[in-house]
Amino acid sequence: MAYAAVIQVRIDPDSDREHRHSILNDFVIPEARALPGFEKGMWMNDGSGTGTCIVVFDTEDHAMAAIVPLTPAGGPPVIGSEVQEVEVQV
């Protein structure tokens, strides 16, 4: 069974979309892909100041170990983070 690291961060709703995407594409996503057990990830923005990432891993241990590297010092302020079991994927 797969497990997901679910992380919410505070982002500036007025920040430049292209800049956010370049940070994700150049740094965050390659680092996430390099983590043990990485399967897939999604980065979302509600448009009002909250960003959510869901990164799926092959085991609960890998998902739990990913929380720290996915929330580095100097990154956006973390609202919350948790690991959840993936029950269904389509």
PDB file of N, CA and C in Angstrom:
ATOM      1  N   MET A   1       0.845  -1.180   0.000  1.00  0.00           N
ATOM      2  CA  MET A   1       0.000   0.000   0.000  1.00  0.00           C
ATOM      3  C   MET A   1       0.887   1.239   0.000  1.00  0.00           C
ATOM      4  N   ALA A   2       0.508   2.240  -0.761  1.00  0.00           N
ATOM      5  CA  ALA A   2       1.256   3.487  -0.852  1.00  0.00           C
ATOM      6  C   ALA A   2       0.831   4.440   0.269  1.00  0.00           C
ATOM      7  N   TYR A   3       1.715   5.386   0.545  1.00  0.00           N
ATOM      8  CA  TYR A   3       1.456   6.417   1.552  1.00  0.00           C
ATOM      9  C   TYR A   3       1.814   7.777   0.969  1.00  0.00           C
ATOM     10  N   ALA A   4       1.074   8.807   1.394  1.00  0.00           N
ATOM     11  CA  ALA A   4       1.307  10.153   0.880  1.00  0.00           C
ATOM     12  C   ALA A   4       1.723  11.091   1.993  1.00  0.00           C
ATOM     13  N   ALA A   5       2.745  11.893   1.715  1.00  0.00           N
ATOM     14  CA  ALA A   5       3.086  13.032   2.563  1.00  0.00           C
ATOM     15  C   ALA A   5       2.218  14.182   2.067  1.00  0.00           C
ATOM     16  N   VAL A   6       1.408  14.735   2.958  1.00  0.00           N
ATOM     17  CA  VAL A   6       0.498  15.824   2.613  1.00  0.00           C
ATOM     18  C   VAL A   6       0.964  17.051   3.394  1.00  0.00           C
ATOM     19  N   ILE A   7       1.346  18.081   2.667  1.00  0.00           N
ATOM     20  CA  ILE A   7       1.930  19.268   3.299  1.00  0.00           C
ATOM     21  C   ILE A   7       1.207  20.509   2.809  1.00  0.00           C
ATOM     22  N   GLN A   8       0.822  21.375   3.742  1.00  0.00           N
ATOM     23  CA  GLN A   8       0.229  22.659   3.384  1.00  0.00           C
ATOM     24  C   GLN A   8       1.176  23.766   3.821  1.00  0.00           C
ATOM     25  N   VAL A   9       1.371  24.740   2.931  1.00  0.00           N
ATOM     26  CA  VAL A   9       2.247  25.877   3.209  1.00  0.00           C
ATOM     27  C   VAL A   9       1.521  27.176   2.890  1.00  0.00           C
ATOM     28  N   ARG A  10       1.993  28.234   3.517  1.00  0.00           N
ATOM     29  CA  ARG A  10       1.462  29.569   3.247  1.00  0.00           C
ATOM     30  C   ARG A  10       2.263  30.161   2.094  1.00  0.00           C
ATOM     31  N   ILE A  11       1.556  30.639   1.080  1.00  0.00           N
ATOM     32  CA  ILE A  11       2.212  31.300  -0.051  1.00  0.00           C
ATOM     33  C   ILE A  11       1.549  32.655  -0.281  1.00  0.00           C
ATOM     34  N   ASP A  12       2.293  33.546  -0.851  1.00  0.00           N
ATOM     35  CA  ASP A  12       1.769  34.868  -1.165  1.00  0.00           C
ATOM     36  C   ASP A  12       0.826  34.731  -2.358  1.00  0.00           C
ATOM     37  N   PRO A  13      -0.466  35.025  -2.179  1.00  0.00           N
ATOM     38  CA  PRO A  13      -1.404  34.866  -3.291  1.00  0.00           C
ATOM     39  C   PRO A  13      -1.100  35.796  -4.466  1.00  0.00           C
ATOM     40  N   ASP A  14      -0.309  36.840  -4.216  1.00  0.00           N
ATOM     41  CA  ASP A  14       0.037  37.771  -5.289  1.00  0.00           C
ATOM     42  C   ASP A  14       1.394  37.465  -5.918  1.00  0.00           C
ATOM     43  N   SER A  15       2.027  36.363  -5.485  1.00  0.00           N
ATOM     44  CA  SER A  15       3.349  36.039  -6.040  1.00  0.00           C
ATOM     45  C   SER A  15       3.223  35.636  -7.509  1.00  0.00           C
ATOM     46  N   ASP A  16       4.315  35.801  -8.219  1.00  0.00           N
ATOM     47  CA  ASP A  16       4.352  35.526  -9.644  1.00  0.00           C
ATOM     48  C   ASP A  16       4.284  34.014  -9.910  1.00  0.00           C
ATOM     49  N   ARG A  17       3.301  33.609 -10.682  1.00  0.00           N
ATOM     50  CA  ARG A  17       3.092  32.191 -10.983  1.00  0.00           C
ATOM     51  C   ARG A  17       4.306  31.577 -11.661  1.00  0.00           C
ATOM     52  N   GLU A  18       4.899  32.268 -12.613  1.00  0.00           N
ATOM     53  CA  GLU A  18       6.070  31.730 -13.318  1.00  0.00           C
ATOM     54  C   GLU A  18       7.238  31.525 -12.367  1.00  0.00           C
ATOM     55  N   HIS A  19       7.411  32.443 -11.437  1.00  0.00           N
ATOM     56  CA  HIS A  19       8.486  32.295 -10.446  1.00  0.00           C
ATOM     57  C   HIS A  19       8.229  31.071  -9.565  1.00  0.00           C
ATOM     58  N   ARG A  20       7.002  30.913  -9.086  1.00  0.00           N
ATOM     59  CA  ARG A  20       6.658  29.727  -8.267  1.00  0.00           C
ATOM     60  C   ARG A  20       6.932  28.447  -9.044  1.00  0.00           C
ATOM     61  N   HIS A  21       6.538  28.421 -10.291  1.00  0.00           N
ATOM     62  CA  HIS A  21       6.734  27.217 -11.102  1.00  0.00           C
ATOM     63  C   HIS A  21       8.212  26.941 -11.353  1.00  0.00           C
ATOM     64  N   SER A  22       9.004  27.996 -11.530  1.00  0.00           N
ATOM     65  CA  SER A  22      10.437  27.776 -11.753  1.00  0.00           C
ATOM     66  C   SER A  22      11.084  27.204 -10.492  1.00  0.00           C
ATOM     67  N   ILE A  23      10.677  27.667  -9.314  1.00  0.00           N
ATOM     68  CA  ILE A  23      11.206  27.110  -8.062  1.00  0.00           C
ATOM     69  C   ILE A  23      10.810  25.639  -7.949  1.00  0.00           C
ATOM     70  N   LEU A  24       9.551  25.348  -8.232  1.00  0.00           N
ATOM     71  CA  LEU A  24       9.096  23.950  -8.176  1.00  0.00           C
ATOM     72  C   LEU A  24       9.861  23.088  -9.176  1.00  0.00           C
ATOM     73  N   ASN A  25       9.930  23.522 -10.417  1.00  0.00           N
ATOM     74  CA  ASN A  25      10.553  22.709 -11.467  1.00  0.00           C
ATOM     75  C   ASN A  25      12.063  22.580 -11.331  1.00  0.00           C
ATOM     76  N   ASP A  26      12.728  23.631 -10.847  1.00  0.00           N
ATOM     77  CA  ASP A  26      14.186  23.619 -10.765  1.00  0.00           C
ATOM     78  C   ASP A  26      14.718  23.009  -9.473  1.00  0.00           C
ATOM     79  N   PHE A  27      13.950  23.094  -8.401  1.00  0.00           N
ATOM     80  CA  PHE A  27      14.466  22.653  -7.107  1.00  0.00           C
ATOM     81  C   PHE A  27      13.585  21.617  -6.418  1.00  0.00           C
ATOM     82  N   VAL A  28      12.335  21.967  -6.157  1.00  0.00           N
ATOM     83  CA  VAL A  28      11.475  21.145  -5.313  1.00  0.00           C
ATOM     84  C   VAL A  28      11.179  19.783  -5.941  1.00  0.00           C
ATOM     85  N   ILE A  29      10.739  19.771  -7.178  1.00  0.00           N
ATOM     86  CA  ILE A  29      10.355  18.508  -7.820  1.00  0.00           C
ATOM     87  C   ILE A  29      11.553  17.583  -8.018  1.00  0.00           C
ATOM     88  N   PRO A  30      12.702  18.064  -8.498  1.00  0.00           N
ATOM     89  CA  PRO A  30      13.854  17.153  -8.594  1.00  0.00           C
ATOM     90  C   PRO A  30      14.270  16.577  -7.240  1.00  0.00           C
ATOM     91  N   GLU A  31      14.196  17.396  -6.185  1.00  0.00           N
ATOM     92  CA  GLU A  31      14.536  16.886  -4.856  1.00  0.00           C
ATOM     93  C   GLU A  31      13.526  15.850  -4.388  1.00  0.00           C
ATOM     94  N   ALA A  32      12.248  16.078  -4.659  1.00  0.00           N
ATOM     95  CA  ALA A  32      11.220  15.103  -4.279  1.00  0.00           C
ATOM     96  C   ALA A  32      11.413  13.793  -5.038  1.00  0.00           C
ATOM     97  N   ARG A  33      11.678  13.887  -6.329  1.00  0.00           N
ATOM     98  CA  ARG A  33      11.884  12.677  -7.136  1.00  0.00           C
ATOM     99  C   ARG A  33      13.068  11.856  -6.659  1.00  0.00           C
ATOM    100  N   ALA A  34      14.064  12.508  -6.062  1.00  0.00           N
ATOM    101  CA  ALA A  34      15.264  11.812  -5.596  1.00  0.00           C
ATOM    102  C   ALA A  34      15.062  11.118  -4.246  1.00  0.00           C
ATOM    103  N   LEU A  35      13.945  11.388  -3.578  1.00  0.00           N
ATOM    104  CA  LEU A  35      13.719  10.770  -2.272  1.00  0.00           C
ATOM    105  C   LEU A  35      13.394   9.289  -2.430  1.00  0.00           C
ATOM    106  N   PRO A  36      13.858   8.458  -1.489  1.00  0.00           N
ATOM    107  CA  PRO A  36      13.591   7.018  -1.561  1.00  0.00           C
ATOM    108  C   PRO A  36      12.100   6.717  -1.603  1.00  0.00           C
ATOM    109  N   GLY A  37      11.711   5.864  -2.528  1.00  0.00           N
ATOM    110  CA  GLY A  37      10.334   5.408  -2.625  1.00  0.00           C
ATOM    111  C   GLY A  37       9.374   6.347  -3.329  1.00  0.00           C
ATOM    112  N   PHE A  38       9.879   7.463  -3.883  1.00  0.00           N
ATOM    113  CA  PHE A  38       9.009   8.419  -4.578  1.00  0.00           C
ATOM    114  C   PHE A  38       8.235   7.721  -5.687  1.00  0.00           C
ATOM    115  N   GLU A  39       6.936   7.994  -5.762  1.00  0.00           N
ATOM    116  CA  GLU A  39       6.103   7.485  -6.853  1.00  0.00           C
ATOM    117  C   GLU A  39       5.548   8.609  -7.716  1.00  0.00           C
ATOM    118  N   LYS A  40       4.946   9.624  -7.086  1.00  0.00           N
ATOM    119  CA  LYS A  40       4.404  10.750  -7.844  1.00  0.00           C
ATOM    120  C   LYS A  40       4.080  11.889  -6.896  1.00  0.00           C
ATOM    121  N   GLY A  41       3.875  13.064  -7.462  1.00  0.00           N
ATOM    122  CA  GLY A  41       3.560  14.207  -6.630  1.00  0.00           C
ATOM    123  C   GLY A  41       2.665  15.195  -7.347  1.00  0.00           C
ATOM    124  N   MET A  42       1.966  15.994  -6.551  1.00  0.00           N
ATOM    125  CA  MET A  42       1.102  17.057  -7.059  1.00  0.00           C
ATOM    126  C   MET A  42       1.301  18.274  -6.184  1.00  0.00           C
ATOM    127  N   TRP A  43       1.382  19.434  -6.803  1.00  0.00           N
ATOM    128  CA  TRP A  43       1.516  20.697  -6.084  1.00  0.00           C
ATOM    129  C   TRP A  43       0.351  21.567  -6.482  1.00  0.00           C
ATOM    130  N   MET A  44      -0.412  22.026  -5.494  1.00  0.00           N
ATOM    131  CA  MET A  44      -1.646  22.761  -5.760  1.00  0.00           C
ATOM    132  C   MET A  44      -1.631  24.107  -5.050  1.00  0.00           C
ATOM    133  N   ASN A  45      -2.439  25.035  -5.544  1.00  0.00           N
ATOM    134  CA  ASN A  45      -2.537  26.378  -4.999  1.00  0.00           C
ATOM    135  C   ASN A  45      -4.007  26.764  -4.978  1.00  0.00           C
ATOM    136  N   ASP A  46      -4.515  27.127  -3.792  1.00  0.00           N
ATOM    137  CA  ASP A  46      -5.933  27.493  -3.719  1.00  0.00           C
ATOM    138  C   ASP A  46      -6.203  28.928  -4.166  1.00  0.00           C
ATOM    139  N   GLY A  47      -5.139  29.681  -4.477  1.00  0.00           N
ATOM    140  CA  GLY A  47      -5.294  31.043  -4.970  1.00  0.00           C
ATOM    141  C   GLY A  47      -5.494  32.090  -3.885  1.00  0.00           C
ATOM    142  N   SER A  48      -5.612  31.656  -2.639  1.00  0.00           N
ATOM    143  CA  SER A  48      -5.831  32.623  -1.560  1.00  0.00           C
ATOM    144  C   SER A  48      -4.787  32.518  -0.455  1.00  0.00           C
ATOM    145  N   GLY A  49      -3.656  31.872  -0.756  1.00  0.00           N
ATOM    146  CA  GLY A  49      -2.568  31.856   0.207  1.00  0.00           C
ATOM    147  C   GLY A  49      -2.173  30.515   0.767  1.00  0.00           C
ATOM    148  N   THR A  50      -2.794  29.440   0.296  1.00  0.00           N
ATOM    149  CA  THR A  50      -2.430  28.115   0.781  1.00  0.00           C
ATOM    150  C   THR A  50      -2.008  27.239  -0.390  1.00  0.00           C
ATOM    151  N   GLY A  51      -0.828  26.676  -0.271  1.00  0.00           N
ATOM    152  CA  GLY A  51      -0.345  25.696  -1.233  1.00  0.00           C
ATOM    153  C   GLY A  51      -0.354  24.328  -0.582  1.00  0.00           C
ATOM    154  N   THR A  52      -0.719  23.325  -1.330  1.00  0.00           N
ATOM    155  CA  THR A  52      -0.756  21.954  -0.817  1.00  0.00           C
ATOM    156  C   THR A  52       0.028  21.060  -1.752  1.00  0.00           C
ATOM    157  N   CYS A  53       0.889  20.238  -1.173  1.00  0.00           N
ATOM    158  CA  CYS A  53       1.548  19.225  -1.999  1.00  0.00           C
ATOM    159  C   CYS A  53       1.193  17.862  -1.439  1.00  0.00           C
ATOM    160  N   ILE A  54       0.995  16.936  -2.345  1.00  0.00           N
ATOM    161  CA  ILE A  54       0.740  15.542  -2.013  1.00  0.00           C
ATOM    162  C   ILE A  54       1.784  14.748  -2.772  1.00  0.00           C
ATOM    163  N   VAL A  55       2.664  14.101  -2.020  1.00  0.00           N
ATOM    164  CA  VAL A  55       3.732  13.325  -2.630  1.00  0.00           C
ATOM    165  C   VAL A  55       3.572  11.888  -2.169  1.00  0.00           C
ATOM    166  N   VAL A  56       3.424  10.983  -3.131  1.00  0.00           N
ATOM    167  CA  VAL A  56       3.136   9.581  -2.839  1.00  0.00           C
ATOM    168  C   VAL A  56       4.429   8.766  -2.842  1.00  0.00           C
ATOM    169  N   PHE A  57       4.534   7.904  -1.832  1.00  0.00           N
ATOM    170  CA  PHE A  57       5.696   7.029  -1.660  1.00  0.00           C
ATOM    171  C   PHE A  57       5.247   5.589  -1.521  1.00  0.00           C
ATOM    172  N   ASP A  58       6.193   4.683  -1.712  1.00  0.00           N
ATOM    173  CA  ASP A  58       5.879   3.253  -1.682  1.00  0.00           C
ATOM    174  C   ASP A  58       5.632   2.706  -0.284  1.00  0.00           C
ATOM    175  N   THR A  59       6.151   3.346   0.758  1.00  0.00           N
ATOM    176  CA  THR A  59       5.961   2.859   2.125  1.00  0.00           C
ATOM    177  C   THR A  59       5.662   4.027   3.068  1.00  0.00           C
ATOM    178  N   GLU A  60       5.100   3.698   4.210  1.00  0.00           N
ATOM    179  CA  GLU A  60       4.833   4.712   5.230  1.00  0.00           C
ATOM    180  C   GLU A  60       6.138   5.311   5.741  1.00  0.00           C
ATOM    181  N   ASP A  61       7.158   4.474   5.935  1.00  0.00           N
ATOM    182  CA  ASP A  61       8.447   4.975   6.414  1.00  0.00           C
ATOM    183  C   ASP A  61       9.046   5.996   5.445  1.00  0.00           C
ATOM    184  N   HIS A  62       8.967   5.717   4.138  1.00  0.00           N
ATOM    185  CA  HIS A  62       9.499   6.666   3.158  1.00  0.00           C
ATOM    186  C   HIS A  62       8.706   7.968   3.176  1.00  0.00           C
ATOM    187  N   ALA A  63       7.397   7.886   3.302  1.00  0.00           N
ATOM    188  CA  ALA A  63       6.571   9.094   3.344  1.00  0.00           C
ATOM    189  C   ALA A  63       6.885   9.915   4.594  1.00  0.00           C
ATOM    190  N   MET A  64       7.033   9.248   5.730  1.00  0.00           N
ATOM    191  CA  MET A  64       7.345   9.957   6.965  1.00  0.00           C
ATOM    192  C   MET A  64       8.725  10.608   6.890  1.00  0.00           C
ATOM    193  N   ALA A  65       9.693   9.900   6.327  1.00  0.00           N
ATOM    194  CA  ALA A  65      11.047  10.444   6.203  1.00  0.00           C
ATOM    195  C   ALA A  65      11.097  11.622   5.239  1.00  0.00           C
ATOM    196  N   ALA A  66      10.143  11.733   4.339  1.00  0.00           N
ATOM    197  CA  ALA A  66      10.144  12.804   3.333  1.00  0.00           C
ATOM    198  C   ALA A  66       9.647  14.137   3.872  1.00  0.00           C
ATOM    199  N   ILE A  67       8.953  14.136   4.988  1.00  0.00           N
ATOM    200  CA  ILE A  67       8.378  15.385   5.501  1.00  0.00           C
ATOM    201  C   ILE A  67       9.460  16.441   5.718  1.00  0.00           C
ATOM    202  N   VAL A  68      10.568  16.078   6.366  1.00  0.00           N
ATOM    203  CA  VAL A  68      11.618  17.066   6.654  1.00  0.00           C
ATOM    204  C   VAL A  68      12.242  17.610   5.372  1.00  0.00           C
ATOM    205  N   PRO A  69      12.685  16.769   4.415  1.00  0.00           N
ATOM    206  CA  PRO A  69      13.255  17.359   3.210  1.00  0.00           C
ATOM    207  C   PRO A  69      12.253  18.139   2.356  1.00  0.00           C
ATOM    208  N   LEU A  70      10.971  17.829   2.477  1.00  0.00           N
ATOM    209  CA  LEU A  70       9.957  18.547   1.708  1.00  0.00           C
ATOM    210  C   LEU A  70       9.548  19.864   2.372  1.00  0.00           C
ATOM    211  N   THR A  71      10.017  20.105   3.603  1.00  0.00           N
ATOM    212  CA  THR A  71       9.699  21.344   4.318  1.00  0.00           C
ATOM    213  C   THR A  71      10.994  21.989   4.819  1.00  0.00           C
ATOM    214  N   PRO A  72      11.898  22.344   3.915  1.00  0.00           N
ATOM    215  CA  PRO A  72      13.205  22.849   4.336  1.00  0.00           C
ATOM    216  C   PRO A  72      13.134  24.238   4.973  1.00  0.00           C
ATOM    217  N   ALA A  73      14.109  24.502   5.848  1.00  0.00           N
ATOM    218  CA  ALA A  73      14.250  25.850   6.404  1.00  0.00           C
ATOM    219  C   ALA A  73      14.455  26.812   5.240  1.00  0.00           C
ATOM    220  N   GLY A  74      13.851  27.961   5.313  1.00  0.00           N
ATOM    221  CA  GLY A  74      13.957  28.939   4.239  1.00  0.00           C
ATOM    222  C   GLY A  74      12.871  28.793   3.194  1.00  0.00           C
ATOM    223  N   GLY A  75      12.098  27.699   3.267  1.00  0.00           N
ATOM    224  CA  GLY A  75      10.983  27.514   2.348  1.00  0.00           C
ATOM    225  C   GLY A  75       9.763  28.251   2.871  1.00  0.00           C
ATOM    226  N   PRO A  76       8.639  28.090   2.206  1.00  0.00           N
ATOM    227  CA  PRO A  76       7.436  28.770   2.678  1.00  0.00           C
ATOM    228  C   PRO A  76       7.032  28.255   4.058  1.00  0.00           C
ATOM    229  N   PRO A  77       6.368  29.088   4.867  1.00  0.00           N
ATOM    230  CA  PRO A  77       5.934  28.654   6.198  1.00  0.00           C
ATOM    231  C   PRO A  77       4.971  27.470   6.107  1.00  0.00           C
ATOM    232  N   VAL A  78       5.226  26.461   6.915  1.00  0.00           N
ATOM    233  CA  VAL A  78       4.410  25.248   6.911  1.00  0.00           C
ATOM    234  C   VAL A  78       3.178  25.462   7.793  1.00  0.00           C
ATOM    235  N   ILE A  79       2.015  25.203   7.233  1.00  0.00           N
ATOM    236  CA  ILE A  79       0.757  25.258   7.968  1.00  0.00           C
ATOM    237  C   ILE A  79       0.528  23.933   8.678  1.00  0.00           C
ATOM    238  N   GLY A  80       0.818  22.844   7.973  1.00  0.00           N
ATOM    239  CA  GLY A  80       0.633  21.517   8.557  1.00  0.00           C
ATOM    240  C   GLY A  80       1.205  20.456   7.652  1.00  0.00           C
ATOM    241  N   SER A  81       1.488  19.299   8.253  1.00  0.00           N
ATOM    242  CA  SER A  81       1.976  18.169   7.472  1.00  0.00           C
ATOM    243  C   SER A  81       1.545  16.881   8.148  1.00  0.00           C
ATOM    244  N   GLU A  82       1.305  15.878   7.326  1.00  0.00           N
ATOM    245  CA  GLU A  82       0.913  14.572   7.844  1.00  0.00           C
ATOM    246  C   GLU A  82       1.156  13.510   6.786  1.00  0.00           C
ATOM    247  N   VAL A  83       1.092  12.260   7.219  1.00  0.00           N
ATOM    248  CA  VAL A  83       1.203  11.130   6.312  1.00  0.00           C
ATOM    249  C   VAL A  83      -0.124  10.399   6.334  1.00  0.00           C
ATOM    250  N   GLN A  84      -0.629  10.070   5.151  1.00  0.00           N
ATOM    251  CA  GLN A  84      -1.894   9.354   5.034  1.00  0.00           C
ATOM    252  C   GLN A  84      -1.717   8.147   4.124  1.00  0.00           C
ATOM    253  N   GLU A  85      -2.432   7.081   4.455  1.00  0.00           N
ATOM    254  CA  GLU A  85      -2.424   5.897   3.598  1.00  0.00           C
ATOM    255  C   GLU A  85      -3.270   6.185   2.349  1.00  0.00           C
ATOM    256  N   VAL A  86      -2.761   5.789   1.206  1.00  0.00           N
ATOM    257  CA  VAL A  86      -3.490   5.939  -0.057  1.00  0.00           C
ATOM    258  C   VAL A  86      -4.377   4.701  -0.191  1.00  0.00           C
ATOM    259  N   GLU A  87      -5.675   4.892  -0.140  1.00  0.00           N
ATOM    260  CA  GLU A  87      -6.583   3.763  -0.223  1.00  0.00           C
ATOM    261  C   GLU A  87      -6.975   3.422  -1.655  1.00  0.00           C
ATOM    262  N   VAL A  88      -7.142   4.449  -2.497  1.00  0.00           N
ATOM    263  CA  VAL A  88      -7.546   4.213  -3.881  1.00  0.00           C
ATOM    264  C   VAL A  88      -6.800   5.198  -4.777  1.00  0.00           C
ATOM    265  N   GLN A  89      -6.288   4.686  -5.885  1.00  0.00           N
ATOM    266  CA  GLN A  89      -5.702   5.550  -6.925  1.00  0.00           C
ATOM    267  C   GLN A  89      -6.393   5.210  -8.232  1.00  0.00           C
ATOM    268  N   VAL A  90      -6.623   6.223  -9.057  1.00  0.00           N
ATOM    269  CA  VAL A  90      -7.232   5.966 -10.368  1.00  0.00           C
ATOM    270  C   VAL A  90      -6.363   6.535 -11.454  1.00  0.00           C
TER     271      VAL A  90
END
